Amino acid sequence: MSKQGHGSKRSFVIQKHDASQLHYDFRLEVDGVLKSWAVPKGPSTDPSEKRLAVEVEDHRLDYADFEGVIPEGEYGAGTVMVWDAGHYENLRDDGMATCHRDGMIEVWLEGEKLQGGYALKRFRGGKKPQWLLIKMKDEAADARRNPVSTETDSVKTGRNLKTIREEDSE
């Protein structure tokens, strides 16, 4: 598969979030907000691995740059790292809002750690819709690579979660 983007490049960010449970927040800029999914195991570069992605509330665009500690007692309390960031293009003919509504998103990521096609497919609706995050088969697919375990530092500051927690705690 090759890149065949429809429309302009928009921002994406993946934040490693050590909250009540460690997870990765996958965020895509759509219509002035960050559409967001919590991915417990983080993204994969292996097309045979389907990763659960639980849709969570939209975030403001400026949250894409946040790296630091959310204090105890606040929503999402814990340490947040900018694990990957870059731009994406929509691979589908429909606009992103329509793709989101219809439960089928396909994007081409151009990040520092992740590149190539990724699909988000909704398989369960409800209050917190559940999706699958799947690496598409393309030149960036690599079953041997596991960036979640081997590329653990921030693309923004080069820090790990422990250092962020120590330096940013009050």
N, C-alpha and C. Protein backbone atom coordinates (compact mmCIF):
# COMPACT_ATOMS: atom_id res chain seq x y z
N MET A 1 0.85 -1.18 0.00
CA MET A 1 0.00 0.00 0.00
C MET A 1 0.88 1.23 0.00
N SER A 2 0.53 2.21 -0.75
CA SER A 2 1.27 3.46 -0.77
C SER A 2 0.38 4.59 -0.28
N LYS A 3 1.01 5.66 0.11
CA LYS A 3 0.27 6.81 0.62
C LYS A 3 -0.56 7.42 -0.50
N GLN A 4 -1.83 7.64 -0.20
CA GLN A 4 -2.71 8.29 -1.16
C GLN A 4 -3.65 9.21 -0.39
N GLY A 5 -3.06 10.16 0.30
CA GLY A 5 -3.81 11.01 1.22
C GLY A 5 -4.84 11.88 0.54
N HIS A 6 -5.92 12.10 1.26
CA HIS A 6 -7.00 12.97 0.80
C HIS A 6 -7.05 14.15 1.76
N GLY A 7 -6.73 15.32 1.27
CA GLY A 7 -6.80 16.50 2.11
C GLY A 7 -5.46 16.87 2.71
N SER A 8 -5.51 17.86 3.57
CA SER A 8 -4.29 18.42 4.13
C SER A 8 -3.78 17.59 5.31
N LYS A 9 -2.52 17.85 5.64
CA LYS A 9 -1.92 17.16 6.78
C LYS A 9 -2.44 17.78 8.07
N ARG A 10 -2.72 16.93 9.02
CA ARG A 10 -3.16 17.36 10.35
C ARG A 10 -2.25 16.72 11.38
N SER A 11 -2.30 17.23 12.59
CA SER A 11 -1.44 16.73 13.66
C SER A 11 -1.97 15.45 14.28
N PHE A 12 -1.02 14.62 14.72
CA PHE A 12 -1.36 13.51 15.60
C PHE A 12 -0.33 13.49 16.72
N VAL A 13 -0.72 12.92 17.84
CA VAL A 13 0.20 12.73 18.95
C VAL A 13 -0.18 11.44 19.66
N ILE A 14 0.83 10.76 20.18
CA ILE A 14 0.61 9.60 21.04
C ILE A 14 1.30 9.92 22.35
N GLN A 15 0.50 10.00 23.42
CA GLN A 15 1.05 10.32 24.73
C GLN A 15 1.04 9.06 25.59
N LYS A 16 2.20 8.75 26.14
CA LYS A 16 2.32 7.65 27.10
C LYS A 16 1.84 8.21 28.43
N HIS A 17 0.86 7.56 29.03
CA HIS A 17 0.16 8.11 30.20
C HIS A 17 0.17 7.10 31.33
N ASP A 18 0.96 7.39 32.34
CA ASP A 18 1.05 6.52 33.52
C ASP A 18 0.05 7.03 34.55
N ALA A 19 -1.20 6.63 34.37
CA ALA A 19 -2.29 7.03 35.27
C ALA A 19 -2.61 5.84 36.17
N SER A 20 -3.90 5.58 36.43
CA SER A 20 -4.25 4.41 37.24
C SER A 20 -3.72 3.14 36.59
N GLN A 21 -3.66 3.13 35.26
CA GLN A 21 -3.01 2.06 34.50
C GLN A 21 -2.22 2.70 33.38
N LEU A 22 -1.02 2.16 33.12
CA LEU A 22 -0.20 2.67 32.02
C LEU A 22 -0.90 2.38 30.69
N HIS A 23 -1.00 3.40 29.85
CA HIS A 23 -1.61 3.24 28.53
C HIS A 23 -1.05 4.31 27.61
N TYR A 24 -1.45 4.26 26.36
CA TYR A 24 -1.03 5.24 25.36
C TYR A 24 -2.28 5.93 24.83
N ASP A 25 -2.27 7.26 24.82
CA ASP A 25 -3.39 8.02 24.27
C ASP A 25 -3.08 8.38 22.83
N PHE A 26 -3.85 7.82 21.91
CA PHE A 26 -3.70 8.04 20.47
C PHE A 26 -4.64 9.17 20.10
N ARG A 27 -4.10 10.29 19.59
CA ARG A 27 -4.92 11.47 19.34
C ARG A 27 -4.74 11.98 17.91
N LEU A 28 -5.86 12.22 17.24
CA LEU A 28 -5.87 12.74 15.88
C LEU A 28 -6.60 14.08 15.85
N GLU A 29 -6.00 15.07 15.21
CA GLU A 29 -6.66 16.36 15.03
C GLU A 29 -7.80 16.20 14.02
N VAL A 30 -9.02 16.48 14.48
CA VAL A 30 -10.21 16.41 13.63
C VAL A 30 -11.11 17.59 13.98
N ASP A 31 -11.38 18.44 13.02
CA ASP A 31 -12.31 19.57 13.19
C ASP A 31 -12.02 20.40 14.44
N GLY A 32 -10.76 20.73 14.66
CA GLY A 32 -10.40 21.65 15.73
C GLY A 32 -10.25 21.06 17.11
N VAL A 33 -10.35 19.73 17.23
CA VAL A 33 -10.13 19.06 18.51
C VAL A 33 -9.24 17.84 18.28
N LEU A 34 -8.80 17.25 19.37
CA LEU A 34 -8.06 15.98 19.29
C LEU A 34 -9.02 14.85 19.62
N LYS A 35 -9.42 14.07 18.62
CA LYS A 35 -10.18 12.84 18.87
C LYS A 35 -9.20 11.89 19.54
N SER A 36 -9.66 11.20 20.59
CA SER A 36 -8.72 10.47 21.44
C SER A 36 -9.19 9.07 21.78
N TRP A 37 -8.21 8.16 21.83
CA TRP A 37 -8.44 6.77 22.20
C TRP A 37 -7.35 6.34 23.18
N ALA A 38 -7.74 5.62 24.23
CA ALA A 38 -6.77 5.03 25.15
C ALA A 38 -6.44 3.63 24.65
N VAL A 39 -5.15 3.39 24.42
CA VAL A 39 -4.67 2.11 23.88
C VAL A 39 -3.83 1.44 24.96
N PRO A 40 -4.41 0.45 25.69
CA PRO A 40 -3.70 -0.13 26.84
C PRO A 40 -2.32 -0.69 26.52
N LYS A 41 -2.16 -1.38 25.41
CA LYS A 41 -0.88 -2.00 25.07
C LYS A 41 -0.02 -1.13 24.17
N GLY A 42 -0.54 0.02 23.76
CA GLY A 42 0.20 0.89 22.85
C GLY A 42 0.11 0.39 21.43
N PRO A 43 0.53 1.24 20.48
CA PRO A 43 0.44 0.87 19.06
C PRO A 43 1.48 -0.18 18.68
N SER A 44 1.18 -0.92 17.63
CA SER A 44 2.08 -1.96 17.13
C SER A 44 2.48 -1.63 15.69
N THR A 45 3.62 -2.14 15.29
CA THR A 45 4.04 -2.02 13.88
C THR A 45 3.80 -3.34 13.14
N ASP A 46 3.13 -4.28 13.80
CA ASP A 46 2.84 -5.60 13.23
C ASP A 46 1.38 -5.66 12.79
N PRO A 47 1.11 -5.78 11.48
CA PRO A 47 -0.28 -5.82 11.00
C PRO A 47 -1.11 -6.97 11.56
N SER A 48 -0.49 -8.01 12.08
CA SER A 48 -1.26 -9.13 12.62
C SER A 48 -1.75 -8.86 14.05
N GLU A 49 -1.26 -7.80 14.67
CA GLU A 49 -1.67 -7.47 16.04
C GLU A 49 -2.76 -6.40 16.02
N LYS A 50 -3.89 -6.73 16.62
CA LYS A 50 -4.99 -5.78 16.75
C LYS A 50 -4.98 -5.27 18.18
N ARG A 51 -4.89 -3.96 18.34
CA ARG A 51 -4.81 -3.37 19.67
C ARG A 51 -6.12 -2.69 20.04
N LEU A 52 -6.64 -3.01 21.23
CA LEU A 52 -7.83 -2.36 21.74
C LEU A 52 -7.57 -0.86 21.88
N ALA A 53 -8.53 -0.05 21.43
CA ALA A 53 -8.45 1.41 21.57
C ALA A 53 -9.82 1.89 22.05
N VAL A 54 -9.89 2.35 23.29
CA VAL A 54 -11.15 2.79 23.88
C VAL A 54 -11.29 4.29 23.67
N GLU A 55 -12.35 4.68 22.99
CA GLU A 55 -12.55 6.11 22.72
C GLU A 55 -12.81 6.85 24.02
N VAL A 56 -12.12 7.96 24.20
CA VAL A 56 -12.31 8.82 25.36
C VAL A 56 -12.71 10.21 24.87
N GLU A 57 -12.90 11.14 25.78
CA GLU A 57 -13.38 12.47 25.40
C GLU A 57 -12.37 13.21 24.52
N ASP A 58 -12.89 14.12 23.70
CA ASP A 58 -12.03 14.97 22.88
C ASP A 58 -11.18 15.86 23.79
N HIS A 59 -10.01 16.22 23.29
CA HIS A 59 -9.12 17.13 24.00
C HIS A 59 -8.87 18.37 23.14
N ARG A 60 -8.51 19.47 23.80
CA ARG A 60 -8.13 20.69 23.09
C ARG A 60 -6.85 20.43 22.30
N LEU A 61 -6.68 21.15 21.19
CA LEU A 61 -5.50 20.97 20.35
C LEU A 61 -4.21 21.25 21.10
N ASP A 62 -4.21 22.23 21.99
CA ASP A 62 -2.97 22.57 22.69
C ASP A 62 -2.51 21.47 23.65
N TYR A 63 -3.40 20.52 23.95
CA TYR A 63 -3.01 19.41 24.83
C TYR A 63 -1.98 18.50 24.16
N ALA A 64 -1.88 18.56 22.85
CA ALA A 64 -0.93 17.71 22.12
C ALA A 64 0.51 17.96 22.57
N ASP A 65 0.80 19.15 23.07
CA ASP A 65 2.16 19.49 23.51
C ASP A 65 2.40 19.20 24.98
N PHE A 66 1.35 18.77 25.71
CA PHE A 66 1.52 18.61 27.15
C PHE A 66 2.39 17.41 27.49
N GLU A 67 3.38 17.68 28.33
CA GLU A 67 4.21 16.63 28.92
C GLU A 67 4.48 17.07 30.34
N GLY A 68 4.15 16.22 31.30
CA GLY A 68 4.34 16.58 32.69
C GLY A 68 3.49 15.73 33.60
N VAL A 69 3.22 16.25 34.79
CA VAL A 69 2.49 15.50 35.81
C VAL A 69 1.13 16.16 36.03
N ILE A 70 0.07 15.37 35.94
CA ILE A 70 -1.28 15.81 36.31
C ILE A 70 -1.45 15.46 37.78
N PRO A 71 -1.71 16.46 38.65
CA PRO A 71 -1.75 16.22 40.09
C PRO A 71 -2.83 15.23 40.52
N GLU A 72 -2.56 14.54 41.63
CA GLU A 72 -3.55 13.64 42.24
C GLU A 72 -4.84 14.41 42.47
N GLY A 73 -5.96 13.74 42.29
CA GLY A 73 -7.26 14.36 42.49
C GLY A 73 -7.84 14.98 41.23
N GLU A 74 -7.00 15.20 40.22
CA GLU A 74 -7.48 15.75 38.95
C GLU A 74 -7.73 14.61 37.97
N TYR A 75 -8.61 14.88 37.00
CA TYR A 75 -8.90 13.87 35.98
C TYR A 75 -7.62 13.47 35.26
N GLY A 76 -7.36 12.18 35.14
CA GLY A 76 -6.18 11.69 34.43
C GLY A 76 -4.90 11.81 35.22
N ALA A 77 -5.01 11.92 36.55
CA ALA A 77 -3.82 12.10 37.39
C ALA A 77 -2.74 11.09 37.05
N GLY A 78 -1.52 11.58 36.91
CA GLY A 78 -0.38 10.73 36.59
C GLY A 78 0.59 11.46 35.68
N THR A 79 1.56 10.74 35.17
CA THR A 79 2.61 11.31 34.35
C THR A 79 2.30 11.12 32.87
N VAL A 80 2.49 12.18 32.09
CA VAL A 80 2.20 12.17 30.65
C VAL A 80 3.47 12.51 29.88
N MET A 81 3.76 11.70 28.86
CA MET A 81 4.92 11.90 28.00
C MET A 81 4.46 11.98 26.55
N VAL A 82 5.08 12.86 25.76
CA VAL A 82 4.82 12.89 24.32
C VAL A 82 5.68 11.79 23.71
N TRP A 83 5.07 10.60 23.53
CA TRP A 83 5.80 9.43 23.06
C TRP A 83 6.07 9.50 21.56
N ASP A 84 5.12 10.00 20.78
CA ASP A 84 5.32 10.20 19.34
C ASP A 84 4.44 11.35 18.89
N ALA A 85 4.86 12.00 17.82
CA ALA A 85 4.09 13.13 17.29
C ALA A 85 4.48 13.33 15.84
N GLY A 86 3.57 13.95 15.11
CA GLY A 86 3.83 14.24 13.71
C GLY A 86 2.56 14.68 13.02
N HIS A 87 2.47 14.33 11.75
CA HIS A 87 1.30 14.68 10.94
C HIS A 87 0.69 13.42 10.35
N TYR A 88 -0.57 13.54 9.97
CA TYR A 88 -1.23 12.41 9.32
C TYR A 88 -2.06 12.92 8.16
N GLU A 89 -2.37 11.98 7.26
CA GLU A 89 -3.30 12.26 6.17
C GLU A 89 -4.39 11.20 6.20
N ASN A 90 -5.60 11.63 5.88
CA ASN A 90 -6.75 10.73 5.77
C ASN A 90 -6.61 9.93 4.48
N LEU A 91 -6.70 8.61 4.56
CA LEU A 91 -6.59 7.76 3.38
C LEU A 91 -7.94 7.47 2.73
N ARG A 92 -9.02 7.88 3.38
CA ARG A 92 -10.35 7.59 2.84
C ARG A 92 -10.90 8.79 2.08
N ASP A 93 -11.88 8.53 1.22
CA ASP A 93 -12.50 9.61 0.44
C ASP A 93 -13.37 10.52 1.30
N ASP A 94 -14.00 9.95 2.34
CA ASP A 94 -14.85 10.75 3.22
C ASP A 94 -13.98 11.59 4.16
N GLY A 95 -14.55 12.68 4.67
CA GLY A 95 -13.86 13.50 5.65
C GLY A 95 -13.68 12.75 6.96
N MET A 96 -12.77 13.24 7.78
CA MET A 96 -12.47 12.56 9.04
C MET A 96 -13.67 12.48 9.97
N ALA A 97 -14.48 13.53 10.04
CA ALA A 97 -15.65 13.49 10.92
C ALA A 97 -16.62 12.39 10.48
N THR A 98 -16.79 12.23 9.18
CA THR A 98 -17.66 11.17 8.65
C THR A 98 -17.05 9.80 8.93
N CYS A 99 -15.77 9.66 8.72
CA CYS A 99 -15.09 8.39 9.00
C CYS A 99 -15.25 8.02 10.47
N HIS A 100 -15.09 9.00 11.36
CA HIS A 100 -15.25 8.77 12.79
C HIS A 100 -16.68 8.34 13.10
N ARG A 101 -17.64 9.06 12.57
CA ARG A 101 -19.05 8.73 12.80
C ARG A 101 -19.37 7.32 12.31
N ASP A 102 -18.81 6.95 11.14
CA ASP A 102 -19.08 5.65 10.55
C ASP A 102 -18.25 4.52 11.16
N GLY A 103 -17.28 4.85 12.01
CA GLY A 103 -16.51 3.83 12.70
C GLY A 103 -15.41 3.18 11.89
N MET A 104 -14.92 3.88 10.86
CA MET A 104 -13.83 3.33 10.04
C MET A 104 -12.89 4.46 9.64
N ILE A 105 -11.74 4.52 10.30
CA ILE A 105 -10.74 5.56 10.05
C ILE A 105 -9.49 4.89 9.50
N GLU A 106 -8.94 5.44 8.43
CA GLU A 106 -7.66 4.97 7.89
C GLU A 106 -6.80 6.20 7.65
N VAL A 107 -5.62 6.20 8.28
CA VAL A 107 -4.73 7.35 8.18
C VAL A 107 -3.31 6.91 7.84
N TRP A 108 -2.55 7.84 7.28
CA TRP A 108 -1.13 7.64 7.00
C TRP A 108 -0.37 8.53 7.97
N LEU A 109 0.37 7.89 8.91
CA LEU A 109 1.11 8.63 9.92
C LEU A 109 2.51 8.96 9.43
N GLU A 110 2.95 10.16 9.74
CA GLU A 110 4.33 10.58 9.51
C GLU A 110 4.86 11.10 10.84
N GLY A 111 5.23 10.15 11.71
CA GLY A 111 5.72 10.49 13.03
C GLY A 111 7.20 10.20 13.16
N GLU A 112 7.73 10.46 14.34
CA GLU A 112 9.13 10.17 14.59
C GLU A 112 9.34 8.68 14.86
N LYS A 113 8.36 8.02 15.47
CA LYS A 113 8.47 6.59 15.76
C LYS A 113 7.58 5.75 14.85
N LEU A 114 6.40 6.24 14.54
CA LEU A 114 5.45 5.48 13.72
C LEU A 114 5.26 6.15 12.37
N GLN A 115 5.25 5.32 11.33
CA GLN A 115 5.00 5.79 9.98
C GLN A 115 4.06 4.80 9.29
N GLY A 116 3.45 5.28 8.23
CA GLY A 116 2.64 4.40 7.40
C GLY A 116 1.18 4.38 7.80
N GLY A 117 0.47 3.41 7.21
CA GLY A 117 -0.97 3.32 7.38
C GLY A 117 -1.39 2.66 8.68
N TYR A 118 -2.40 3.25 9.30
CA TYR A 118 -3.04 2.68 10.49
C TYR A 118 -4.54 2.80 10.32
N ALA A 119 -5.26 1.78 10.75
CA ALA A 119 -6.72 1.78 10.71
C ALA A 119 -7.27 1.73 12.12
N LEU A 120 -8.33 2.47 12.34
CA LEU A 120 -9.12 2.38 13.56
C LEU A 120 -10.50 1.90 13.14
N LYS A 121 -10.93 0.76 13.70
CA LYS A 121 -12.23 0.19 13.35
C LYS A 121 -13.06 0.02 14.62
N ARG A 122 -14.23 0.69 14.65
CA ARG A 122 -15.10 0.57 15.82
C ARG A 122 -15.80 -0.78 15.77
N PHE A 123 -15.78 -1.48 16.90
CA PHE A 123 -16.49 -2.76 16.94
C PHE A 123 -17.54 -2.82 18.05
N ARG A 124 -17.57 -1.82 18.91
CA ARG A 124 -18.58 -1.78 19.96
C ARG A 124 -18.89 -0.32 20.29
N GLY A 125 -20.16 0.03 20.28
CA GLY A 125 -20.57 1.40 20.60
C GLY A 125 -20.78 1.58 22.09
N GLY A 126 -21.66 2.49 22.45
CA GLY A 126 -21.95 2.74 23.85
C GLY A 126 -21.28 3.99 24.37
N LYS A 127 -21.25 4.10 25.70
CA LYS A 127 -20.71 5.30 26.34
C LYS A 127 -19.23 5.49 26.04
N LYS A 128 -18.46 4.41 26.06
CA LYS A 128 -17.04 4.46 25.71
C LYS A 128 -16.81 3.47 24.57
N PRO A 129 -17.03 3.92 23.34
CA PRO A 129 -16.90 3.01 22.19
C PRO A 129 -15.53 2.35 22.13
N GLN A 130 -15.54 1.09 21.72
CA GLN A 130 -14.30 0.33 21.59
C GLN A 130 -13.96 0.16 20.12
N TRP A 131 -12.69 0.38 19.82
CA TRP A 131 -12.17 0.30 18.47
C TRP A 131 -10.98 -0.65 18.47
N LEU A 132 -10.54 -1.04 17.29
CA LEU A 132 -9.28 -1.76 17.12
C LEU A 132 -8.33 -0.85 16.37
N LEU A 133 -7.10 -0.73 16.86
CA LEU A 133 -6.04 0.00 16.18
C LEU A 133 -5.16 -1.03 15.50
N ILE A 134 -5.06 -0.95 14.17
CA ILE A 134 -4.37 -1.98 13.39
C ILE A 134 -3.38 -1.33 12.43
N LYS A 135 -2.15 -1.81 12.45
CA LYS A 135 -1.14 -1.36 11.48
C LYS A 135 -1.50 -1.96 10.13
N MET A 136 -1.54 -1.13 9.09
CA MET A 136 -1.84 -1.61 7.75
C MET A 136 -0.57 -2.21 7.13
N LYS A 137 -0.75 -3.09 6.17
CA LYS A 137 0.39 -3.72 5.49
C LYS A 137 0.98 -2.73 4.50
N ASP A 138 2.18 -2.25 4.79
CA ASP A 138 2.89 -1.31 3.92
C ASP A 138 4.38 -1.41 4.23
N GLU A 139 5.17 -0.54 3.63
CA GLU A 139 6.62 -0.63 3.79
C GLU A 139 7.08 -0.34 5.21
N ALA A 140 6.25 0.29 6.05
CA ALA A 140 6.63 0.58 7.43
C ALA A 140 6.22 -0.54 8.39
N ALA A 141 5.46 -1.53 7.91
CA ALA A 141 5.06 -2.65 8.76
C ALA A 141 6.29 -3.50 9.09
N ASP A 142 6.41 -3.89 10.37
CA ASP A 142 7.56 -4.68 10.79
C ASP A 142 7.19 -5.48 12.03
N ALA A 143 6.95 -6.77 11.86
CA ALA A 143 6.54 -7.63 12.97
C ALA A 143 7.66 -7.78 14.01
N ARG A 144 8.90 -7.55 13.63
CA ARG A 144 10.03 -7.71 14.56
C ARG A 144 10.23 -6.49 15.45
N ARG A 145 9.74 -5.35 15.01
CA ARG A 145 9.96 -4.10 15.74
C ARG A 145 8.87 -3.93 16.80
N ASN A 146 9.25 -3.49 17.98
CA ASN A 146 8.29 -3.24 19.05
C ASN A 146 8.62 -1.91 19.72
N PRO A 147 8.23 -0.79 19.10
CA PRO A 147 8.64 0.52 19.62
C PRO A 147 8.12 0.83 21.02
N VAL A 148 7.02 0.20 21.43
CA VAL A 148 6.49 0.45 22.77
C VAL A 148 7.50 0.02 23.83
N SER A 149 8.23 -1.07 23.58
CA SER A 149 9.20 -1.53 24.57
C SER A 149 10.63 -1.08 24.30
N THR A 150 10.95 -0.74 23.04
CA THR A 150 12.34 -0.39 22.72
C THR A 150 12.58 1.11 22.54
N GLU A 151 11.53 1.88 22.30
CA GLU A 151 11.67 3.32 22.08
C GLU A 151 10.82 4.03 23.13
N THR A 152 11.36 4.11 24.34
CA THR A 152 10.55 4.48 25.50
C THR A 152 10.62 5.96 25.89
N ASP A 153 11.48 6.74 25.25
CA ASP A 153 11.66 8.13 25.67
C ASP A 153 10.81 9.10 24.85
N SER A 154 10.61 10.27 25.41
CA SER A 154 9.82 11.34 24.79
C SER A 154 10.47 11.84 23.51
N VAL A 155 9.64 12.05 22.48
CA VAL A 155 10.15 12.68 21.25
C VAL A 155 10.26 14.19 21.43
N LYS A 156 9.67 14.72 22.47
CA LYS A 156 9.70 16.17 22.73
C LYS A 156 10.93 16.58 23.54
N THR A 157 11.23 15.80 24.60
CA THR A 157 12.30 16.21 25.52
C THR A 157 13.39 15.16 25.70
N GLY A 158 13.18 13.95 25.20
CA GLY A 158 14.16 12.88 25.39
C GLY A 158 14.11 12.24 26.77
N ARG A 159 13.15 12.68 27.61
CA ARG A 159 13.06 12.14 28.97
C ARG A 159 12.22 10.88 29.02
N ASN A 160 12.44 10.06 30.06
CA ASN A 160 11.57 8.90 30.30
C ASN A 160 10.52 9.29 31.34
N LEU A 161 9.56 8.39 31.59
CA LEU A 161 8.48 8.70 32.53
C LEU A 161 9.01 9.02 33.93
N LYS A 162 9.99 8.26 34.40
CA LYS A 162 10.54 8.47 35.74
C LYS A 162 11.14 9.87 35.87
N THR A 163 11.90 10.28 34.87
CA THR A 163 12.52 11.61 34.91
C THR A 163 11.47 12.71 34.85
N ILE A 164 10.46 12.54 34.01
CA ILE A 164 9.38 13.53 33.94
C ILE A 164 8.70 13.65 35.31
N ARG A 165 8.39 12.51 35.93
CA ARG A 165 7.72 12.49 37.23
C ARG A 165 8.59 13.21 38.27
N GLU A 166 9.89 12.91 38.29
CA GLU A 166 10.79 13.51 39.29
C GLU A 166 10.97 15.00 39.05
N GLU A 167 11.13 15.41 37.80
CA GLU A 167 11.43 16.81 37.50
C GLU A 167 10.19 17.71 37.53
N ASP A 168 9.02 17.14 37.26
CA ASP A 168 7.83 17.97 37.14
C ASP A 168 6.89 17.88 38.35
N SER A 169 7.20 17.02 39.32
CA SER A 169 6.36 16.93 40.52
C SER A 169 6.65 18.12 41.42
N GLU A 170 5.62 18.51 42.12
CA GLU A 170 5.78 19.69 42.99
C GLU A 170 6.23 19.29 44.37
